[in-house]
Amino acid sequence: MLSLAGGTLFLASCGEDPALKYRREAQTRQIVDLEARLARMNAGMREDLKETAKDVEESKRMADETEEFLKAKEEELATLEAEVAKAEKDHQAYRRRYVVKDLKTGGKP
């Protein structure tokens, strides 16, 4: 509706523009959908965080067990190396004490 009163133009609306109403409703639906997706993503991230924390704890436990195993094996290796060194030393002492003659050169035992 259009009217002219005292040199001033008045525009009066008889109702809401259907195109604007449709866009507003579409935007409202889109906002609701995006908020729902955001809520799901946040919930998923919290769940992933819990799982990651659980995985970190498991990894730490496994690392501690592996470190203990490795330390025990290193001690075992050091013990075996000491035994080999002693056996080599004893063998050299034995060979110095008991010289074995070569029987192939025609000597008698």
N, C-alpha and C. Protein backbone atom coordinates (compact mmCIF):
# COMPACT_ATOMS: atom_id res chain seq x y z
N MET A 1 0.84 -1.17 0.00
CA MET A 1 0.00 0.00 0.00
C MET A 1 0.89 1.23 0.00
N LEU A 2 0.55 2.18 -0.80
CA LEU A 2 1.34 3.39 -0.98
C LEU A 2 0.43 4.59 -0.74
N SER A 3 0.87 5.51 0.10
CA SER A 3 0.05 6.72 0.32
C SER A 3 0.95 7.92 0.46
N LEU A 4 0.42 9.08 0.15
CA LEU A 4 1.17 10.32 0.21
C LEU A 4 0.44 11.23 1.18
N ALA A 5 1.08 11.57 2.28
CA ALA A 5 0.44 12.43 3.27
C ALA A 5 1.41 13.55 3.60
N GLY A 6 1.03 14.76 3.32
CA GLY A 6 1.83 15.94 3.65
C GLY A 6 3.16 15.93 2.94
N GLY A 7 3.23 15.42 1.76
CA GLY A 7 4.46 15.41 0.99
C GLY A 7 5.39 14.27 1.38
N THR A 8 4.97 13.37 2.25
CA THR A 8 5.80 12.25 2.67
C THR A 8 5.19 10.98 2.11
N LEU A 9 6.04 10.15 1.62
CA LEU A 9 5.62 8.90 1.02
C LEU A 9 5.66 7.81 2.08
N PHE A 10 4.55 7.11 2.25
CA PHE A 10 4.49 6.01 3.21
C PHE A 10 4.33 4.70 2.45
N LEU A 11 5.15 3.74 2.80
CA LEU A 11 5.00 2.40 2.24
C LEU A 11 4.54 1.49 3.37
N ALA A 12 3.49 0.83 3.16
CA ALA A 12 3.00 -0.09 4.17
C ALA A 12 3.02 -1.49 3.58
N SER A 13 3.48 -2.42 4.36
CA SER A 13 3.58 -3.79 3.91
C SER A 13 2.34 -4.55 4.34
N CYS A 14 1.84 -5.36 3.43
CA CYS A 14 0.65 -6.15 3.75
C CYS A 14 1.02 -7.52 4.27
N GLY A 15 2.26 -7.89 4.21
CA GLY A 15 2.67 -9.21 4.69
C GLY A 15 4.17 -9.40 4.48
N GLU A 16 4.66 -10.52 4.95
CA GLU A 16 6.09 -10.81 4.85
C GLU A 16 6.41 -11.33 3.45
N ASP A 17 7.59 -10.94 2.96
CA ASP A 17 8.04 -11.38 1.64
C ASP A 17 8.30 -12.90 1.70
N PRO A 18 7.65 -13.70 0.86
CA PRO A 18 7.82 -15.15 0.91
C PRO A 18 9.25 -15.60 0.61
N ALA A 19 9.96 -14.89 -0.25
CA ALA A 19 11.35 -15.28 -0.56
C ALA A 19 12.24 -15.09 0.66
N LEU A 20 12.04 -13.96 1.37
CA LEU A 20 12.84 -13.74 2.58
C LEU A 20 12.50 -14.75 3.67
N LYS A 21 11.22 -15.05 3.79
CA LYS A 21 10.79 -16.04 4.79
C LYS A 21 11.41 -17.40 4.49
N TYR A 22 11.43 -17.81 3.23
CA TYR A 22 12.02 -19.09 2.83
C TYR A 22 13.51 -19.11 3.13
N ARG A 23 14.21 -18.02 2.80
CA ARG A 23 15.67 -17.96 3.07
C ARG A 23 15.95 -18.02 4.57
N ARG A 24 15.16 -17.30 5.38
CA ARG A 24 15.37 -17.31 6.83
C ARG A 24 15.16 -18.71 7.39
N GLU A 25 14.11 -19.40 6.94
CA GLU A 25 13.84 -20.76 7.42
C GLU A 25 14.93 -21.72 6.97
N ALA A 26 15.42 -21.55 5.75
CA ALA A 26 16.51 -22.41 5.25
C ALA A 26 17.78 -22.18 6.06
N GLN A 27 18.06 -20.91 6.35
CA GLN A 27 19.25 -20.60 7.16
C GLN A 27 19.10 -21.15 8.58
N THR A 28 17.89 -21.07 9.13
CA THR A 28 17.65 -21.61 10.47
C THR A 28 17.89 -23.11 10.48
N ARG A 29 17.37 -23.82 9.46
CA ARG A 29 17.60 -25.28 9.37
C ARG A 29 19.09 -25.58 9.23
N GLN A 30 19.77 -24.79 8.44
CA GLN A 30 21.21 -25.00 8.24
C GLN A 30 21.97 -24.77 9.54
N ILE A 31 21.60 -23.74 10.30
CA ILE A 31 22.25 -23.47 11.58
C ILE A 31 22.02 -24.63 12.54
N VAL A 32 20.80 -25.15 12.60
CA VAL A 32 20.49 -26.28 13.48
C VAL A 32 21.31 -27.50 13.08
N ASP A 33 21.39 -27.77 11.76
CA ASP A 33 22.18 -28.91 11.28
C ASP A 33 23.65 -28.75 11.63
N LEU A 34 24.18 -27.54 11.43
CA LEU A 34 25.60 -27.31 11.73
C LEU A 34 25.88 -27.43 13.22
N GLU A 35 24.96 -26.94 14.05
CA GLU A 35 25.14 -27.07 15.50
C GLU A 35 25.12 -28.54 15.92
N ALA A 36 24.24 -29.33 15.30
CA ALA A 36 24.18 -30.76 15.61
C ALA A 36 25.47 -31.45 15.19
N ARG A 37 25.98 -31.11 14.00
CA ARG A 37 27.25 -31.69 13.55
C ARG A 37 28.39 -31.30 14.48
N LEU A 38 28.40 -30.04 14.91
CA LEU A 38 29.44 -29.56 15.83
C LEU A 38 29.37 -30.32 17.15
N ALA A 39 28.16 -30.53 17.65
CA ALA A 39 28.00 -31.28 18.90
C ALA A 39 28.52 -32.70 18.75
N ARG A 40 28.21 -33.36 17.60
CA ARG A 40 28.70 -34.72 17.37
C ARG A 40 30.22 -34.73 17.27
N MET A 41 30.78 -33.74 16.60
CA MET A 41 32.25 -33.68 16.46
C MET A 41 32.91 -33.47 17.81
N ASN A 42 32.34 -32.59 18.63
CA ASN A 42 32.90 -32.36 19.97
C ASN A 42 32.83 -33.62 20.81
N ALA A 43 31.71 -34.34 20.73
CA ALA A 43 31.58 -35.58 21.49
C ALA A 43 32.60 -36.60 20.99
N GLY A 44 32.78 -36.67 19.68
CA GLY A 44 33.77 -37.60 19.12
C GLY A 44 35.18 -37.26 19.54
N MET A 45 35.49 -35.97 19.60
CA MET A 45 36.83 -35.57 20.02
C MET A 45 37.07 -35.92 21.48
N ARG A 46 36.04 -35.75 22.32
CA ARG A 46 36.21 -36.12 23.73
C ARG A 46 36.44 -37.62 23.85
N GLU A 47 35.71 -38.41 23.06
CA GLU A 47 35.88 -39.86 23.09
C GLU A 47 37.28 -40.23 22.58
N ASP A 48 37.70 -39.59 21.49
CA ASP A 48 39.05 -39.84 20.97
C ASP A 48 40.10 -39.49 22.00
N LEU A 49 39.88 -38.41 22.75
CA LEU A 49 40.83 -37.99 23.77
C LEU A 49 40.93 -39.05 24.86
N LYS A 50 39.79 -39.62 25.26
CA LYS A 50 39.81 -40.68 26.27
C LYS A 50 40.57 -41.89 25.75
N GLU A 51 40.29 -42.27 24.50
CA GLU A 51 40.97 -43.42 23.90
C GLU A 51 42.47 -43.15 23.77
N THR A 52 42.84 -41.93 23.39
CA THR A 52 44.25 -41.58 23.25
C THR A 52 44.94 -41.65 24.60
N ALA A 53 44.29 -41.15 25.64
CA ALA A 53 44.87 -41.21 26.99
C ALA A 53 45.07 -42.66 27.41
N LYS A 54 44.09 -43.51 27.08
CA LYS A 54 44.19 -44.93 27.42
C LYS A 54 45.36 -45.56 26.65
N ASP A 55 45.50 -45.19 25.38
CA ASP A 55 46.59 -45.72 24.56
C ASP A 55 47.95 -45.26 25.09
N VAL A 56 48.02 -44.02 25.55
CA VAL A 56 49.28 -43.50 26.09
C VAL A 56 49.67 -44.28 27.35
N GLU A 57 48.70 -44.52 28.22
CA GLU A 57 48.98 -45.29 29.44
C GLU A 57 49.46 -46.70 29.10
N GLU A 58 48.81 -47.33 28.13
CA GLU A 58 49.21 -48.68 27.71
C GLU A 58 50.62 -48.66 27.12
N SER A 59 50.92 -47.64 26.34
CA SER A 59 52.25 -47.52 25.74
C SER A 59 53.32 -47.32 26.81
N LYS A 60 53.01 -46.51 27.82
CA LYS A 60 53.97 -46.30 28.92
C LYS A 60 54.22 -47.61 29.66
N ARG A 61 53.14 -48.35 29.92
CA ARG A 61 53.29 -49.63 30.63
C ARG A 61 54.15 -50.59 29.82
N MET A 62 53.88 -50.66 28.52
CA MET A 62 54.66 -51.55 27.67
C MET A 62 56.12 -51.10 27.58
N ALA A 63 56.35 -49.80 27.54
CA ALA A 63 57.72 -49.29 27.50
C ALA A 63 58.46 -49.65 28.79
N ASP A 64 57.79 -49.54 29.93
CA ASP A 64 58.42 -49.91 31.20
C ASP A 64 58.76 -51.39 31.23
N GLU A 65 57.83 -52.23 30.76
CA GLU A 65 58.10 -53.67 30.73
C GLU A 65 59.26 -53.99 29.80
N THR A 66 59.29 -53.33 28.65
CA THR A 66 60.37 -53.56 27.69
C THR A 66 61.71 -53.11 28.26
N GLU A 67 61.69 -51.99 28.96
CA GLU A 67 62.93 -51.49 29.56
C GLU A 67 63.46 -52.47 30.62
N GLU A 68 62.55 -53.01 31.44
CA GLU A 68 62.96 -53.99 32.45
C GLU A 68 63.52 -55.25 31.78
N PHE A 69 62.86 -55.72 30.73
CA PHE A 69 63.32 -56.90 30.00
C PHE A 69 64.71 -56.65 29.41
N LEU A 70 64.88 -55.48 28.79
CA LEU A 70 66.16 -55.13 28.18
C LEU A 70 67.27 -55.05 29.23
N LYS A 71 66.97 -54.48 30.38
CA LYS A 71 67.96 -54.38 31.45
C LYS A 71 68.37 -55.77 31.93
N ALA A 72 67.40 -56.68 32.08
CA ALA A 72 67.71 -58.05 32.51
C ALA A 72 68.58 -58.75 31.46
N LYS A 73 68.28 -58.56 30.18
CA LYS A 73 69.06 -59.19 29.12
C LYS A 73 70.47 -58.60 29.05
N GLU A 74 70.60 -57.31 29.30
CA GLU A 74 71.94 -56.70 29.31
C GLU A 74 72.78 -57.26 30.45
N GLU A 75 72.15 -57.46 31.61
CA GLU A 75 72.86 -58.06 32.74
C GLU A 75 73.26 -59.51 32.42
N GLU A 76 72.35 -60.24 31.79
CA GLU A 76 72.65 -61.62 31.39
C GLU A 76 73.80 -61.66 30.39
N LEU A 77 73.81 -60.73 29.43
CA LEU A 77 74.88 -60.65 28.45
C LEU A 77 76.21 -60.35 29.12
N ALA A 78 76.22 -59.42 30.07
CA ALA A 78 77.46 -59.09 30.78
C ALA A 78 77.98 -60.31 31.53
N THR A 79 77.09 -61.07 32.16
CA THR A 79 77.49 -62.28 32.89
C THR A 79 78.09 -63.30 31.92
N LEU A 80 77.42 -63.51 30.77
CA LEU A 80 77.92 -64.48 29.80
C LEU A 80 79.26 -64.04 29.21
N GLU A 81 79.43 -62.75 28.94
CA GLU A 81 80.71 -62.26 28.42
C GLU A 81 81.83 -62.47 29.44
N ALA A 82 81.53 -62.28 30.73
CA ALA A 82 82.53 -62.52 31.78
C ALA A 82 82.88 -64.01 31.84
N GLU A 83 81.89 -64.87 31.69
CA GLU A 83 82.16 -66.31 31.70
C GLU A 83 83.01 -66.72 30.50
N VAL A 84 82.73 -66.16 29.32
CA VAL A 84 83.52 -66.47 28.12
C VAL A 84 84.96 -66.00 28.31
N ALA A 85 85.14 -64.79 28.84
CA ALA A 85 86.49 -64.28 29.07
C ALA A 85 87.24 -65.18 30.05
N LYS A 86 86.58 -65.65 31.12
CA LYS A 86 87.23 -66.54 32.09
C LYS A 86 87.58 -67.87 31.44
N ALA A 87 86.65 -68.41 30.61
CA ALA A 87 86.91 -69.68 29.94
C ALA A 87 88.09 -69.56 28.98
N GLU A 88 88.20 -68.45 28.24
CA GLU A 88 89.34 -68.24 27.34
C GLU A 88 90.64 -68.14 28.12
N LYS A 89 90.59 -67.46 29.24
CA LYS A 89 91.80 -67.33 30.08
C LYS A 89 92.21 -68.70 30.63
N ASP A 90 91.24 -69.48 31.09
CA ASP A 90 91.53 -70.82 31.61
C ASP A 90 92.07 -71.72 30.50
N HIS A 91 91.51 -71.60 29.30
CA HIS A 91 91.97 -72.39 28.17
C HIS A 91 93.43 -72.05 27.82
N GLN A 92 93.76 -70.77 27.81
CA GLN A 92 95.15 -70.37 27.51
C GLN A 92 96.10 -70.90 28.58
N ALA A 93 95.68 -70.83 29.83
CA ALA A 93 96.52 -71.36 30.91
C ALA A 93 96.71 -72.86 30.76
N TYR A 94 95.67 -73.57 30.38
CA TYR A 94 95.74 -75.01 30.18
C TYR A 94 96.72 -75.33 29.05
N ARG A 95 96.63 -74.61 27.93
CA ARG A 95 97.51 -74.86 26.79
C ARG A 95 98.97 -74.56 27.13
N ARG A 96 99.22 -73.58 28.01
CA ARG A 96 100.60 -73.29 28.41
C ARG A 96 101.12 -74.40 29.32
N ARG A 97 100.26 -74.91 30.16
CA ARG A 97 100.68 -75.95 31.10
C ARG A 97 100.88 -77.29 30.41
N TYR A 98 100.03 -77.63 29.50
CA TYR A 98 100.10 -78.91 28.82
C TYR A 98 100.32 -78.68 27.34
N VAL A 99 101.56 -78.72 26.92
CA VAL A 99 101.90 -78.52 25.53
C VAL A 99 101.67 -79.85 24.81
N VAL A 100 100.93 -79.81 23.76
CA VAL A 100 100.61 -81.00 22.99
C VAL A 100 101.54 -81.05 21.80
N LYS A 101 102.26 -82.20 21.68
CA LYS A 101 103.19 -82.35 20.56
C LYS A 101 102.42 -82.84 19.36
N ASP A 102 102.90 -82.45 18.21
CA ASP A 102 102.26 -82.86 16.98
C ASP A 102 102.67 -84.30 16.68
N LEU A 103 101.71 -85.22 16.62
CA LEU A 103 101.99 -86.62 16.39
C LEU A 103 102.19 -86.92 14.92
N LYS A 104 101.85 -86.07 14.06
CA LYS A 104 101.97 -86.32 12.63
C LYS A 104 103.42 -86.26 12.16
N THR A 105 104.28 -85.65 12.92
CA THR A 105 105.69 -85.55 12.47
C THR A 105 106.47 -86.81 12.79
N GLY A 106 105.82 -87.82 13.22
CA GLY A 106 106.50 -89.09 13.43
C GLY A 106 106.86 -89.36 14.86
N GLY A 107 106.51 -88.52 15.80
CA GLY A 107 106.83 -88.74 17.20
C GLY A 107 105.89 -89.74 17.83
N LYS A 108 106.33 -90.35 18.92
CA LYS A 108 105.48 -91.31 19.61
C LYS A 108 104.81 -90.60 20.78
N PRO A 109 103.63 -91.11 21.11
CA PRO A 109 102.92 -90.47 22.22
C PRO A 109 103.53 -90.77 23.56
